[in-house]
């Protein structure tokens, strides 16, 4: 079960803001939904079926606090979060999506 309400933190452990005027904490769910709905420059020819699949997954994540996802959905989220965000968000989000992604000294 993946908890999409988990707040993404900075390197000091403080909450990252979502960038809105309300300065709400940026959650794994926020990162995932945004990554799923962004039209990427290198995906101009994305099929309508793939767009629908991404939109459906974004809606499921948005509506839930936690979900069990298929491995291919986790792989897609990791790929798109990697495209949409910088290293810190990827570093924080991937282990929340996949326990195998942990930081090792």
N, C-alpha and C. Protein backbone atom coordinates (compact mmCIF):
# COMPACT_ATOMS: atom_id res chain seq x y z
N UNK A 1 0.84 -1.17 0.00
CA UNK A 1 0.00 0.00 0.00
C UNK A 1 0.89 1.24 0.00
N UNK A 2 0.65 2.15 -0.91
CA UNK A 2 1.42 3.38 -1.00
C UNK A 2 0.59 4.52 -0.41
N UNK A 3 1.18 5.25 0.54
CA UNK A 3 0.51 6.38 1.19
C UNK A 3 0.82 7.65 0.40
N UNK A 4 -0.15 8.11 -0.36
CA UNK A 4 0.05 9.29 -1.19
C UNK A 4 -0.10 10.60 -0.42
N UNK A 5 -0.42 10.52 0.88
CA UNK A 5 -0.48 11.73 1.70
C UNK A 5 0.87 12.05 2.32
N UNK A 6 1.87 11.20 2.11
CA UNK A 6 3.20 11.44 2.68
C UNK A 6 3.77 12.74 2.15
N UNK A 7 4.22 13.58 3.06
CA UNK A 7 4.79 14.88 2.70
C UNK A 7 6.23 14.69 2.24
N UNK A 8 6.55 15.32 1.12
CA UNK A 8 7.91 15.29 0.58
C UNK A 8 8.73 16.32 1.36
N UNK A 9 9.87 15.89 1.88
CA UNK A 9 10.67 16.78 2.71
C UNK A 9 11.96 17.20 2.00
N UNK A 10 12.51 18.31 2.48
CA UNK A 10 13.80 18.77 1.96
C UNK A 10 14.91 17.95 2.62
N UNK A 11 16.15 18.29 2.35
CA UNK A 11 17.26 17.51 2.89
C UNK A 11 17.40 17.62 4.41
N UNK A 12 16.82 18.66 4.99
CA UNK A 12 16.85 18.83 6.44
C UNK A 12 15.63 18.22 7.13
N UNK A 13 14.72 17.64 6.35
CA UNK A 13 13.53 17.02 6.92
C UNK A 13 12.32 17.92 7.00
N UNK A 14 12.45 19.16 6.55
CA UNK A 14 11.33 20.10 6.55
C UNK A 14 10.44 19.87 5.34
N UNK A 15 9.16 20.17 5.49
CA UNK A 15 8.20 19.99 4.40
C UNK A 15 8.50 20.94 3.25
N UNK A 16 8.40 20.43 2.04
CA UNK A 16 8.52 21.26 0.84
C UNK A 16 7.13 21.80 0.54
N UNK A 17 7.04 23.07 0.18
CA UNK A 17 5.76 23.70 -0.15
C UNK A 17 5.33 23.30 -1.55
N UNK A 18 4.01 23.30 -1.77
CA UNK A 18 3.48 22.96 -3.09
C UNK A 18 3.57 24.12 -4.08
N UNK A 19 4.04 25.26 -3.64
CA UNK A 19 4.21 26.41 -4.53
C UNK A 19 2.99 27.31 -4.62
N UNK A 20 1.89 26.94 -3.99
CA UNK A 20 0.69 27.77 -4.02
C UNK A 20 0.80 28.90 -2.99
N UNK A 21 -0.11 29.85 -3.09
CA UNK A 21 -0.13 30.94 -2.11
C UNK A 21 -0.40 30.41 -0.71
N UNK A 22 -1.16 29.33 -0.62
CA UNK A 22 -1.48 28.75 0.68
C UNK A 22 -0.29 28.00 1.28
N UNK A 23 0.71 27.73 0.46
CA UNK A 23 1.94 27.06 0.87
C UNK A 23 1.64 25.73 1.59
N UNK A 24 0.80 24.93 0.95
CA UNK A 24 0.46 23.61 1.47
C UNK A 24 1.66 22.69 1.29
N UNK A 25 1.80 21.69 2.17
CA UNK A 25 2.90 20.74 2.00
C UNK A 25 2.77 19.97 0.69
N UNK A 26 3.89 19.72 0.06
CA UNK A 26 3.93 18.99 -1.20
C UNK A 26 3.97 17.50 -0.87
N UNK A 27 2.97 16.77 -1.33
CA UNK A 27 2.86 15.35 -1.00
C UNK A 27 3.25 14.46 -2.17
N UNK A 28 3.44 13.19 -1.86
CA UNK A 28 3.70 12.21 -2.91
C UNK A 28 2.55 12.19 -3.91
N UNK A 29 1.33 12.32 -3.42
CA UNK A 29 0.17 12.36 -4.31
C UNK A 29 0.21 13.56 -5.25
N UNK A 30 0.59 14.71 -4.73
CA UNK A 30 0.71 15.91 -5.58
C UNK A 30 1.75 15.70 -6.67
N UNK A 31 2.88 15.15 -6.29
CA UNK A 31 3.96 14.90 -7.25
C UNK A 31 3.51 13.91 -8.31
N UNK A 32 2.84 12.84 -7.88
CA UNK A 32 2.41 11.80 -8.82
C UNK A 32 1.36 12.32 -9.79
N UNK A 33 0.35 13.02 -9.27
CA UNK A 33 -0.71 13.53 -10.15
C UNK A 33 -0.15 14.52 -11.16
N UNK A 34 0.68 15.44 -10.70
CA UNK A 34 1.26 16.42 -11.62
C UNK A 34 2.12 15.74 -12.67
N UNK A 35 2.92 14.76 -12.26
CA UNK A 35 3.78 14.06 -13.21
C UNK A 35 2.96 13.31 -14.26
N UNK A 36 1.81 12.80 -13.87
CA UNK A 36 0.95 12.06 -14.80
C UNK A 36 0.24 12.95 -15.80
N UNK A 37 -0.05 14.18 -15.45
CA UNK A 37 -0.86 15.03 -16.34
C UNK A 37 -0.06 16.05 -17.14
N UNK A 38 1.22 16.17 -16.88
CA UNK A 38 2.05 17.10 -17.64
C UNK A 38 2.20 16.61 -19.08
N UNK A 39 2.00 17.49 -20.07
CA UNK A 39 2.28 17.10 -21.46
C UNK A 39 3.78 17.29 -21.74
N UNK A 40 4.50 16.20 -21.84
CA UNK A 40 5.94 16.26 -22.03
C UNK A 40 6.29 16.51 -23.49
N UNK A 41 7.29 17.34 -23.69
CA UNK A 41 7.73 17.71 -25.04
C UNK A 41 8.11 16.47 -25.87
N UNK A 42 8.76 15.50 -25.25
CA UNK A 42 9.21 14.33 -26.00
C UNK A 42 8.11 13.28 -26.18
N UNK A 43 6.88 13.60 -25.75
CA UNK A 43 5.77 12.67 -25.89
C UNK A 43 4.61 13.28 -26.67
N UNK A 44 4.93 14.08 -27.64
CA UNK A 44 3.89 14.74 -28.44
C UNK A 44 2.98 13.75 -29.15
N UNK A 45 3.49 12.58 -29.47
CA UNK A 45 2.71 11.58 -30.20
C UNK A 45 2.19 10.48 -29.29
N UNK A 46 2.01 10.78 -28.02
CA UNK A 46 1.48 9.81 -27.08
C UNK A 46 0.08 9.40 -27.52
N UNK A 47 -0.19 8.11 -27.50
CA UNK A 47 -1.49 7.62 -27.97
C UNK A 47 -2.61 8.08 -27.05
N UNK A 48 -3.82 8.21 -27.61
CA UNK A 48 -4.96 8.56 -26.77
C UNK A 48 -5.18 7.53 -25.66
N UNK A 49 -4.91 6.27 -25.92
CA UNK A 49 -5.07 5.23 -24.91
C UNK A 49 -4.11 5.45 -23.74
N UNK A 50 -2.87 5.83 -24.04
CA UNK A 50 -1.89 6.09 -22.98
C UNK A 50 -2.28 7.33 -22.19
N UNK A 51 -2.78 8.36 -22.89
CA UNK A 51 -3.25 9.56 -22.20
C UNK A 51 -4.40 9.22 -21.25
N UNK A 52 -5.32 8.39 -21.71
CA UNK A 52 -6.44 7.98 -20.88
C UNK A 52 -5.95 7.21 -19.66
N UNK A 53 -5.02 6.28 -19.88
CA UNK A 53 -4.48 5.48 -18.79
C UNK A 53 -3.83 6.37 -17.73
N UNK A 54 -3.06 7.36 -18.16
CA UNK A 54 -2.42 8.28 -17.23
C UNK A 54 -3.45 9.14 -16.50
N UNK A 55 -4.45 9.60 -17.22
CA UNK A 55 -5.50 10.40 -16.59
C UNK A 55 -6.29 9.60 -15.57
N UNK A 56 -6.57 8.34 -15.88
CA UNK A 56 -7.30 7.48 -14.96
C UNK A 56 -6.48 7.22 -13.70
N UNK A 57 -5.19 6.98 -13.84
CA UNK A 57 -4.32 6.76 -12.69
C UNK A 57 -4.22 8.04 -11.85
N UNK A 58 -4.10 9.19 -12.50
CA UNK A 58 -4.06 10.47 -11.78
C UNK A 58 -5.33 10.67 -10.97
N UNK A 59 -6.49 10.35 -11.55
CA UNK A 59 -7.76 10.51 -10.85
C UNK A 59 -7.84 9.56 -9.66
N UNK A 60 -7.38 8.33 -9.81
CA UNK A 60 -7.39 7.37 -8.70
C UNK A 60 -6.51 7.85 -7.55
N UNK A 61 -5.32 8.34 -7.88
CA UNK A 61 -4.40 8.83 -6.85
C UNK A 61 -4.98 10.06 -6.16
N UNK A 62 -5.53 10.96 -6.95
CA UNK A 62 -6.11 12.19 -6.40
C UNK A 62 -7.25 11.90 -5.42
N UNK A 63 -8.04 10.88 -5.71
CA UNK A 63 -9.22 10.56 -4.91
C UNK A 63 -8.90 9.72 -3.67
N UNK A 64 -7.71 9.16 -3.59
CA UNK A 64 -7.39 8.23 -2.50
C UNK A 64 -6.30 8.80 -1.61
N UNK A 65 -6.22 8.24 -0.40
CA UNK A 65 -5.09 8.57 0.46
C UNK A 65 -4.00 7.52 0.31
N UNK A 66 -4.40 6.27 0.04
CA UNK A 66 -3.42 5.22 -0.21
C UNK A 66 -4.00 4.23 -1.20
N UNK A 67 -3.11 3.60 -1.95
CA UNK A 67 -3.52 2.66 -3.00
C UNK A 67 -2.52 1.53 -3.12
N UNK A 68 -3.02 0.41 -3.57
CA UNK A 68 -2.15 -0.68 -4.03
C UNK A 68 -2.05 -0.51 -5.54
N UNK A 69 -0.86 -0.38 -6.06
CA UNK A 69 -0.67 -0.21 -7.49
C UNK A 69 0.00 -1.42 -8.10
N UNK A 70 -0.27 -1.62 -9.38
CA UNK A 70 0.41 -2.67 -10.13
C UNK A 70 1.86 -2.25 -10.35
N UNK A 71 2.73 -3.22 -10.56
CA UNK A 71 4.15 -2.91 -10.76
C UNK A 71 4.36 -1.99 -11.96
N UNK A 72 3.58 -2.17 -13.03
CA UNK A 72 3.76 -1.30 -14.20
C UNK A 72 3.31 0.13 -13.91
N UNK A 73 2.35 0.32 -13.00
CA UNK A 73 1.92 1.67 -12.62
C UNK A 73 3.01 2.34 -11.79
N UNK A 74 3.65 1.58 -10.91
CA UNK A 74 4.76 2.13 -10.12
C UNK A 74 5.92 2.50 -11.04
N UNK A 75 6.22 1.64 -12.00
CA UNK A 75 7.29 1.93 -12.96
C UNK A 75 6.98 3.20 -13.73
N UNK A 76 5.74 3.36 -14.18
CA UNK A 76 5.33 4.56 -14.90
C UNK A 76 5.48 5.80 -14.02
N UNK A 77 5.02 5.72 -12.77
CA UNK A 77 5.14 6.87 -11.87
C UNK A 77 6.60 7.25 -11.64
N UNK A 78 7.46 6.26 -11.43
CA UNK A 78 8.88 6.56 -11.23
C UNK A 78 9.47 7.23 -12.47
N UNK A 79 9.12 6.72 -13.64
CA UNK A 79 9.63 7.31 -14.89
C UNK A 79 9.17 8.76 -15.02
N UNK A 80 7.88 9.01 -14.81
CA UNK A 80 7.35 10.35 -15.03
C UNK A 80 7.77 11.33 -13.94
N UNK A 81 7.86 10.89 -12.70
CA UNK A 81 8.38 11.77 -11.64
C UNK A 81 9.83 12.11 -11.95
N UNK A 82 10.58 11.15 -12.49
CA UNK A 82 11.96 11.40 -12.90
C UNK A 82 12.07 12.43 -14.01
N UNK A 83 11.07 12.48 -14.89
CA UNK A 83 11.06 13.45 -15.99
C UNK A 83 10.60 14.82 -15.51
N UNK A 84 9.64 14.83 -14.59
CA UNK A 84 8.98 16.07 -14.20
C UNK A 84 9.73 16.88 -13.15
N UNK A 85 10.52 16.21 -12.32
CA UNK A 85 11.10 16.88 -11.15
C UNK A 85 12.61 16.72 -11.10
N UNK A 86 13.20 17.55 -10.25
CA UNK A 86 14.64 17.51 -10.02
C UNK A 86 15.04 16.38 -9.07
N UNK A 87 16.33 16.29 -8.82
CA UNK A 87 16.88 15.18 -8.03
C UNK A 87 16.29 15.03 -6.63
N UNK A 88 16.00 16.11 -5.93
CA UNK A 88 15.51 15.98 -4.56
C UNK A 88 14.14 15.30 -4.51
N UNK A 89 13.22 15.72 -5.38
CA UNK A 89 11.89 15.12 -5.40
C UNK A 89 12.00 13.64 -5.80
N UNK A 90 12.82 13.34 -6.79
CA UNK A 90 13.01 11.95 -7.21
C UNK A 90 13.59 11.14 -6.05
N UNK A 91 14.59 11.69 -5.39
CA UNK A 91 15.24 11.03 -4.26
C UNK A 91 14.25 10.71 -3.14
N UNK A 92 13.32 11.62 -2.89
CA UNK A 92 12.33 11.41 -1.83
C UNK A 92 11.16 10.54 -2.29
N UNK A 93 10.72 10.69 -3.54
CA UNK A 93 9.52 10.00 -4.02
C UNK A 93 9.75 8.53 -4.34
N UNK A 94 10.85 8.21 -5.00
CA UNK A 94 11.04 6.82 -5.45
C UNK A 94 10.98 5.81 -4.32
N UNK A 95 11.65 6.02 -3.17
CA UNK A 95 11.54 5.03 -2.10
C UNK A 95 10.12 4.90 -1.53
N UNK A 96 9.33 5.96 -1.64
CA UNK A 96 7.94 5.89 -1.18
C UNK A 96 7.08 5.05 -2.11
N UNK A 97 7.50 5.00 -3.38
CA UNK A 97 6.78 4.20 -4.38
C UNK A 97 7.27 2.77 -4.42
N UNK A 98 8.55 2.57 -4.14
CA UNK A 98 9.19 1.27 -4.31
C UNK A 98 10.22 1.07 -3.21
N UNK A 99 9.94 0.18 -2.28
CA UNK A 99 10.83 -0.03 -1.14
C UNK A 99 12.23 -0.46 -1.56
N UNK A 100 12.39 -0.97 -2.77
CA UNK A 100 13.71 -1.39 -3.25
C UNK A 100 14.61 -0.18 -3.53
N UNK A 101 14.00 0.99 -3.68
CA UNK A 101 14.75 2.22 -3.97
C UNK A 101 15.13 2.90 -2.66
N UNK A 102 16.22 2.51 -2.07
CA UNK A 102 16.65 3.13 -0.83
C UNK A 102 18.04 3.70 -1.00
N UNK A 103 18.33 4.68 -0.18
CA UNK A 103 19.65 5.31 -0.20
C UNK A 103 20.63 4.45 0.59
N UNK A 104 21.74 4.18 -0.02
CA UNK A 104 22.76 3.37 0.63
C UNK A 104 24.04 4.18 0.74
N UNK A 105 24.63 4.20 1.93
CA UNK A 105 25.90 4.93 2.11
C UNK A 105 27.03 4.22 1.40
